[in-house]
Protein backbone atom coordinates (compact mmCIF):
# COMPACT_ATOMS: atom_id res chain seq x y z
CA UNK A 1 53.66 71.34 51.90
CA UNK A 2 51.75 68.37 53.28
CA UNK A 3 48.04 68.55 54.12
CA UNK A 4 48.86 68.41 57.82
CA UNK A 5 51.38 71.24 57.48
CA UNK A 6 48.87 73.34 55.56
CA UNK A 7 46.19 72.77 58.20
CA UNK A 8 48.66 73.82 60.91
CA UNK A 9 49.57 76.95 58.93
CA UNK A 10 45.93 77.89 58.33
CA UNK A 11 44.90 77.31 61.95
CA UNK A 12 44.85 80.45 64.04
CA UNK A 13 44.49 81.00 67.75
CA UNK A 14 44.12 84.72 68.32
CA UNK A 15 44.12 86.91 71.41
CA UNK A 16 42.82 90.47 71.30
CA UNK A 17 43.76 92.84 74.13
CA UNK A 18 41.18 95.60 74.50
CA UNK A 19 38.46 93.36 73.08
CA UNK A 20 35.58 95.57 74.26
CA UNK A 21 36.97 98.66 72.58
CA UNK A 22 35.79 99.79 69.16
CA UNK A 23 38.79 98.45 67.22
CA UNK A 24 39.25 95.35 69.38
CA UNK A 25 35.62 94.34 69.03
CA UNK A 26 35.82 94.64 65.24
CA UNK A 27 39.00 92.52 65.08
CA UNK A 28 37.38 89.94 67.32
CA UNK A 29 34.43 89.55 64.97
CA UNK A 30 36.56 89.64 61.81
CA UNK A 31 38.73 86.76 62.99
CA UNK A 32 35.82 84.78 64.44
CA UNK A 33 34.31 84.64 60.94
CA UNK A 34 37.38 82.87 59.52
CA UNK A 35 37.50 79.05 59.39
CA UNK A 36 39.92 77.24 61.67
CA UNK A 37 40.15 80.19 64.05
CA UNK A 38 39.69 80.46 67.81
CA UNK A 39 39.60 83.93 69.35
CA UNK A 40 40.24 85.01 72.94
CA UNK A 41 39.09 88.50 73.86
CA UNK A 42 40.86 90.13 76.81
CA UNK A 43 39.28 92.92 78.83
CA UNK A 44 38.98 94.01 82.43
CA UNK A 45 35.18 93.97 82.32
CA UNK A 46 33.60 90.50 82.09
CA UNK A 47 31.81 89.56 78.88
CA UNK A 48 30.01 86.47 77.68
CA UNK A 49 31.66 83.93 75.39
CA UNK A 50 29.89 82.55 72.33
CA UNK A 51 30.82 80.25 69.48
CA UNK A 52 34.55 80.39 68.82
CA UNK A 53 34.95 83.65 70.79
CA UNK A 54 36.10 83.22 74.37
CA UNK A 55 36.24 86.23 76.68
CA UNK A 56 38.77 86.40 79.49
CA UNK A 57 38.47 88.99 82.24
CA UNK A 58 42.04 89.93 83.19
CA UNK A 59 43.90 92.78 84.85
CA UNK A 60 46.66 93.51 82.35
CA UNK A 61 48.49 95.65 84.89
CA UNK A 62 48.95 92.60 87.14
CA UNK A 63 51.71 90.24 85.92
CA UNK A 64 50.35 87.54 88.20
CA UNK A 65 46.82 87.78 86.84
CA UNK A 66 48.06 87.80 83.23
CA UNK A 67 50.12 84.67 83.83
CA UNK A 68 47.30 82.93 85.68
CA UNK A 69 44.73 83.67 82.96
CA UNK A 70 46.92 83.24 79.85
CA UNK A 71 49.76 80.98 80.89
CA UNK A 72 47.99 77.84 79.65
CA UNK A 73 47.15 79.26 76.21
CA UNK A 74 50.22 77.82 74.53
CA UNK A 75 48.75 77.59 71.02
CA UNK A 76 48.44 81.34 70.43
CA UNK A 77 49.46 82.29 66.87
CA UNK A 78 48.34 85.94 66.63
CA UNK A 79 48.24 88.74 69.18
CA UNK A 80 46.44 92.06 68.68
CA UNK A 81 47.10 94.85 71.13
CA UNK A 82 44.50 97.61 71.38
CA UNK A 83 44.36 98.04 75.17
CA UNK A 84 44.66 101.53 76.60
CA UNK A 85 44.55 103.23 79.98
CA UNK A 86 43.95 106.99 80.15
CA UNK A 87 46.15 109.08 82.45
CA UNK A 88 46.43 112.85 82.90
CA UNK A 89 50.07 113.33 81.86
CA UNK A 90 52.24 112.04 79.01
CA UNK A 91 54.68 110.45 81.45
CA UNK A 92 51.93 108.57 83.28
CA UNK A 93 50.39 107.43 79.99
CA UNK A 94 53.73 106.03 78.91
CA UNK A 95 54.37 104.20 82.16
CA UNK A 96 51.00 102.49 82.37
CA UNK A 97 50.50 101.67 78.68
CA UNK A 98 54.00 100.26 78.21
CA UNK A 99 53.39 98.10 81.28
CA UNK A 100 50.21 96.68 79.69
CA UNK A 101 52.15 95.56 76.63
CA UNK A 102 55.18 94.30 78.56
CA UNK A 103 53.11 92.11 80.87
CA UNK A 104 51.46 90.41 77.91
CA UNK A 105 54.73 89.97 76.00
CA UNK A 106 56.37 88.40 79.05
CA UNK A 107 53.72 85.68 79.25
CA UNK A 108 53.39 85.08 75.51
CA UNK A 109 57.12 84.78 74.89
CA UNK A 110 57.41 82.23 77.67
CA UNK A 111 54.27 80.20 77.02
CA UNK A 112 53.27 80.61 73.34
CA UNK A 113 55.89 78.96 71.11
CA UNK A 114 53.51 79.00 68.12
CA UNK A 115 53.23 82.84 68.15
CA UNK A 116 53.64 84.11 64.57
CA UNK A 117 52.49 87.70 64.53
CA UNK A 118 51.77 90.71 66.75
CA UNK A 119 49.74 93.72 65.63
CA UNK A 120 50.05 96.96 67.58
CA UNK A 121 47.67 99.88 67.14
CA UNK A 122 48.84 103.48 67.36
CA UNK A 123 47.17 106.64 66.02
CA UNK A 124 47.50 110.28 65.09
CA UNK A 125 49.17 111.14 68.41
CA UNK A 126 52.31 109.61 66.92
CA UNK A 127 52.35 112.64 64.59
CA UNK A 128 51.24 115.18 67.20
CA UNK A 129 47.57 115.44 66.27
CA UNK A 130 46.79 115.94 69.96
CA UNK A 131 49.24 118.85 70.27
CA UNK A 132 48.18 121.15 67.44
CA UNK A 133 48.76 121.64 63.70
CA UNK A 134 51.16 119.04 62.33
CA UNK A 135 52.70 118.16 58.97
CA UNK A 136 50.10 116.76 56.58
CA UNK A 137 49.70 114.40 54.96
CA UNK A 138 51.47 112.52 57.73
CA UNK A 139 53.83 109.78 56.54
CA UNK A 140 55.21 106.78 58.35
CA UNK A 141 58.79 108.06 57.92
CA UNK A 142 58.09 111.45 59.51
CA UNK A 143 60.51 112.14 62.41
CA UNK A 144 59.38 111.52 65.96
CA UNK A 145 58.31 114.28 68.30
CA UNK A 146 59.68 115.19 71.71
CA UNK A 147 59.02 112.34 74.18
CA UNK A 148 57.36 111.10 76.27
CA UNK A 149 54.96 109.47 73.84
CA UNK A 150 53.71 106.02 74.80
CA UNK A 151 53.40 104.97 71.16
CA UNK A 152 57.15 105.35 70.69
CA UNK A 153 57.99 103.43 73.85
CA UNK A 154 55.60 100.60 72.99
CA UNK A 155 57.09 100.42 69.50
CA UNK A 156 60.65 100.37 70.85
CA UNK A 157 59.72 97.61 73.30
CA UNK A 158 58.19 95.56 70.50
CA UNK A 159 61.17 96.01 68.18
CA UNK A 160 63.65 95.04 70.89
CA UNK A 161 61.68 91.92 71.81
CA UNK A 162 61.35 90.88 68.16
CA UNK A 163 65.11 90.59 67.68
CA UNK A 164 65.92 86.88 67.40
CA UNK A 165 62.27 85.84 67.76
CA UNK A 166 60.22 83.61 65.46
CA UNK A 167 57.34 86.07 65.42
CA UNK A 168 57.09 89.33 63.49
CA UNK A 169 54.92 92.40 63.99
CA UNK A 170 52.98 95.13 62.22
CA UNK A 171 52.11 98.56 63.60
CA UNK A 172 48.93 100.14 62.25
CA UNK A 173 48.12 103.82 62.67
CA UNK A 174 44.42 104.52 62.01
CA UNK A 175 43.84 108.16 61.12
CA UNK A 176 41.39 110.60 62.72
CA UNK A 177 38.61 108.94 64.71
CA UNK A 178 38.08 105.16 64.69
CA UNK A 179 34.38 104.64 64.04
CA UNK A 180 32.43 101.51 64.88
CA UNK A 181 29.94 99.83 67.19
CA UNK A 182 30.91 98.54 70.61
CA UNK A 183 28.68 98.22 73.67
CA UNK A 184 30.09 99.83 76.78
CA UNK A 185 32.97 101.53 74.95
CA UNK A 186 32.22 105.25 75.13
CA UNK A 187 35.31 106.48 73.22
CA UNK A 188 33.52 106.26 69.91
CA UNK A 189 32.65 109.12 67.57
CA UNK A 190 29.61 107.28 66.21
CA UNK A 191 28.09 107.11 69.70
CA UNK A 192 28.98 110.75 70.40
CA UNK A 193 27.17 111.97 67.29
CA UNK A 194 24.21 109.61 67.70
CA UNK A 195 23.52 110.37 71.38
CA UNK A 196 24.08 114.10 70.89
CA UNK A 197 21.64 114.02 67.96
CA UNK A 198 19.02 112.03 69.90
CA UNK A 199 19.16 114.43 72.84
CA UNK A 200 19.00 117.46 70.54
CA UNK A 201 15.96 115.98 68.80
CA UNK A 202 14.24 115.23 72.12
CA UNK A 203 14.75 118.87 73.15
CA UNK A 204 13.37 120.14 69.85
CA UNK A 205 16.75 121.44 68.68
CA UNK A 206 18.40 121.21 65.26
CA UNK A 207 21.67 119.31 64.89
CA UNK A 208 24.37 121.94 65.40
CA UNK A 209 28.05 121.19 64.98
CA UNK A 210 29.48 121.82 68.48
CA UNK A 211 32.93 122.98 67.39
CA UNK A 212 34.53 126.18 66.05
CA UNK A 213 34.21 127.30 62.44
CA UNK A 214 37.88 126.43 61.84
CA UNK A 215 37.18 122.79 62.73
CA UNK A 216 34.02 122.78 60.62
CA UNK A 217 36.07 123.73 57.55
CA UNK A 218 39.32 121.79 58.14
CA UNK A 219 40.15 118.56 56.34
CA UNK A 220 39.51 115.50 58.47
CA UNK A 221 39.70 111.74 58.09
CA UNK A 222 38.07 108.77 59.79
CA UNK A 223 38.79 105.06 59.94
CA UNK A 224 36.09 102.41 60.00
CA UNK A 225 36.80 99.84 62.71
CA UNK A 226 35.71 97.16 60.25
CA UNK A 227 38.24 98.32 57.66
CA UNK A 228 40.93 98.43 60.36
CA UNK A 229 40.02 94.86 61.30
CA UNK A 230 40.43 93.74 57.68
CA UNK A 231 43.81 95.48 57.58
CA UNK A 232 44.74 93.62 60.77
CA UNK A 233 43.92 90.24 59.25
CA UNK A 234 45.94 91.17 56.15
CA UNK A 235 48.90 92.27 58.28
CA UNK A 236 48.86 89.01 60.20
CA UNK A 237 49.39 86.97 57.04
CA UNK A 238 51.25 89.17 54.54
CA UNK A 239 55.05 88.94 54.23
CA UNK A 240 55.02 92.57 53.03
CA UNK A 241 53.67 93.67 56.42
CA UNK A 242 56.34 92.00 58.53
CA UNK A 243 58.03 94.41 60.95
CA UNK A 244 56.50 97.42 59.15
CA UNK A 245 54.43 100.43 60.17
CA UNK A 246 51.41 101.60 58.13
CA UNK A 247 48.87 104.40 58.19
CA UNK A 248 45.32 103.07 57.67
CA UNK A 249 42.26 105.25 56.97
CA UNK A 250 39.06 104.95 54.97
CA UNK A 251 41.05 106.40 52.08
CA UNK A 252 39.10 109.63 51.65
CA UNK A 253 38.96 112.96 53.48
CA UNK A 254 36.03 115.07 54.59
CA UNK A 255 35.11 118.51 55.86
CA UNK A 256 32.46 118.60 58.57
CA UNK A 257 30.83 121.56 56.83
CA UNK A 258 29.78 119.15 54.08
CA UNK A 259 29.40 115.92 56.06
CA UNK A 260 27.44 117.35 59.01
CA UNK A 261 24.32 118.34 56.99
CA UNK A 262 24.37 114.92 55.33
CA UNK A 263 24.52 113.18 58.70
CA UNK A 264 21.64 115.33 59.94
CA UNK A 265 19.63 114.12 56.94
CA UNK A 266 20.57 110.49 57.73
CA UNK A 267 19.16 111.02 61.22
CA UNK A 268 15.99 112.80 60.06
CA UNK A 269 17.00 116.14 61.59
CA UNK A 270 17.29 119.76 60.60
CA UNK A 271 20.74 121.32 60.67
CA UNK A 272 21.78 124.77 61.87
CA UNK A 273 24.97 126.84 61.87
CA UNK A 274 27.85 125.69 64.13
CA UNK A 275 27.99 127.02 67.68
CA UNK A 276 31.16 126.06 69.59
CA UNK A 277 30.50 124.73 73.09
CA UNK A 278 31.89 122.06 75.37
CA UNK A 279 30.00 118.78 75.21
CA UNK A 280 31.49 117.82 78.57
CA UNK A 281 29.94 120.91 80.14
CA UNK A 282 26.59 121.08 78.38
CA UNK A 283 25.81 117.35 78.23
CA UNK A 284 26.68 116.71 81.88
CA UNK A 285 23.08 117.28 83.02
CA UNK A 286 21.42 115.41 80.13
CA UNK A 287 21.34 111.94 81.70
CA UNK A 288 17.61 112.30 82.58
CA UNK A 289 16.88 113.27 78.96
CA UNK A 290 18.73 110.21 77.66
CA UNK A 291 17.04 107.95 80.22
CA UNK A 292 13.66 109.26 79.07
CA UNK A 293 14.57 108.53 75.44
CA UNK A 294 15.67 105.00 76.35
CA UNK A 295 12.40 104.35 78.19
CA UNK A 296 10.14 105.89 75.56
CA UNK A 297 11.87 104.24 72.58
CA UNK A 298 12.53 100.93 74.38
CA UNK A 299 16.27 101.14 73.74
CA UNK A 300 18.91 98.97 75.35
CA UNK A 301 19.51 100.29 78.90
CA UNK A 302 23.21 101.06 78.47
CA UNK A 303 24.32 103.46 81.25
CA UNK A 304 24.82 107.02 80.01
CA UNK A 305 28.53 107.10 80.93
CA UNK A 306 29.15 103.81 79.11
CA UNK A 307 27.25 104.90 76.04
CA UNK A 308 29.19 108.05 75.26
CA UNK A 309 32.37 109.95 76.17
CA UNK A 310 31.76 113.68 75.79
CA UNK A 311 35.45 114.35 76.38
CA UNK A 312 36.24 112.27 73.32
CA UNK A 313 33.73 114.35 71.36
CA UNK A 314 35.27 117.60 72.53
CA UNK A 315 38.70 116.36 71.45
CA UNK A 316 37.48 115.34 67.99
CA UNK A 317 35.58 118.58 67.42
CA UNK A 318 38.36 120.92 68.57
CA UNK A 319 41.03 120.13 66.00
CA UNK A 320 40.96 123.32 63.93
CA UNK A 321 43.62 122.14 61.50
CA UNK A 322 43.94 119.54 58.77
CA UNK A 323 44.09 115.96 60.05
CA UNK A 324 45.26 113.82 57.12
CA UNK A 325 47.55 110.78 56.77
CA UNK A 326 49.03 109.30 53.62
CA UNK A 327 48.02 105.68 52.96
CA UNK A 328 50.29 105.13 49.95
CA UNK A 329 52.63 102.81 51.84
CA UNK A 330 49.96 100.29 52.90
CA UNK A 331 48.48 100.28 49.39
CA UNK A 332 51.86 99.63 47.81
CA UNK A 333 52.35 96.78 50.29
CA UNK A 334 49.15 95.12 49.09
CA UNK A 335 46.23 96.30 51.26
CA UNK A 336 43.92 98.16 48.88
CA UNK A 337 40.66 98.24 50.86
CA UNK A 338 38.84 101.56 51.24
CA UNK A 339 35.47 102.81 52.44
CA UNK A 340 33.40 105.86 51.50
CA UNK A 341 33.05 107.74 54.80
CA UNK A 342 29.55 109.04 54.10
CA UNK A 343 28.38 105.47 53.48
CA UNK A 344 30.16 104.39 56.66
CA UNK A 345 28.29 106.91 58.82
CA UNK A 346 24.97 105.93 57.25
CA UNK A 347 25.57 102.21 57.81
CA UNK A 348 26.68 102.64 61.42
CA UNK A 349 23.66 104.80 62.27
CA UNK A 350 21.51 102.08 60.73
CA UNK A 351 23.26 99.48 62.85
CA UNK A 352 22.60 101.53 66.00
CA UNK A 353 18.89 101.58 65.13
CA UNK A 354 18.89 97.80 64.54
CA UNK A 355 20.59 97.22 67.90
CA UNK A 356 18.07 99.52 69.65
CA UNK A 357 20.76 101.99 70.64
CA UNK A 358 19.17 104.81 68.62
CA UNK A 359 15.47 105.62 68.14
CA UNK A 360 14.03 103.84 65.12
CA UNK A 361 12.43 107.09 63.94
CA UNK A 362 15.80 108.81 63.55
CA UNK A 363 16.21 108.09 59.86
CA UNK A 364 16.15 109.92 56.57
CA UNK A 365 12.68 111.05 55.63
CA UNK A 366 11.29 110.84 59.15
């Protein structure tokens, strides 16, 4: 291989759909740190560009807008799809989320001849984690469930488009909750726990687990957005990942009954026995409390509804059954990274304090 050929191979031009989400933001930063890489972050909400990261505000549901905004980006080599639109029914979710992917594929296949790899994110809903108890540990070769399921339709679309193409793909299924830091992305368990803890502390309350005893004691797993980003970079370059599907988690499991008291200690709070209640219901009137915390502690003025999704918290804390995926396949393929989940929570809470998204006094020993 000549020097020029090697430089061309090592050069990456990456687009990330859903760039302001927890996973998309982590992938954006992971790729931006690599030499010879230019990154384009796609999102509906505008965001500022900096360095080798360029943000593009685009309506992915509009074929015309996608073509107008991306049609000239003909040097794209890698495409990461983490965009998502919430809808009330499974059928509506499938229709809208398949359309997001199709609109992007249409433009990339026509205008990006250098495209080498596509990474698609799925999740536990592929195994039925949103429906009730499911087979654990979940494996990539487990049979599909009754459709509609937008993950299946997106996967089928991707596989059909890949036939005869120069590019290949990898599907990654993070397990449990994806945890990370992302401004304005409320579907984030780290933000749910942190804001709930801050409000509890302001009201003079201990940190109570807001779910049933069965959830408190069940096995659970989480996936660091940073680890998922590293898996994404690996998938984009590894021959063993081509046209394959992998579960990705931190590599350990937890029970909230053990982790919750440790998190309370990380945040400088007392813990008390679980009391199941709806965060959506009981946190609906707490905006003034949060606003007072922000003012008193001089935190970043992120709007309450953009800081946290209580519905996401209710979903995470209502799964009264084991939520575990096997990660043997991805390890055998060559991705061996792992992350101690207790350390992950501690580091992310520390990052929230550094970013002035959590009171500085909420720390161990305070």
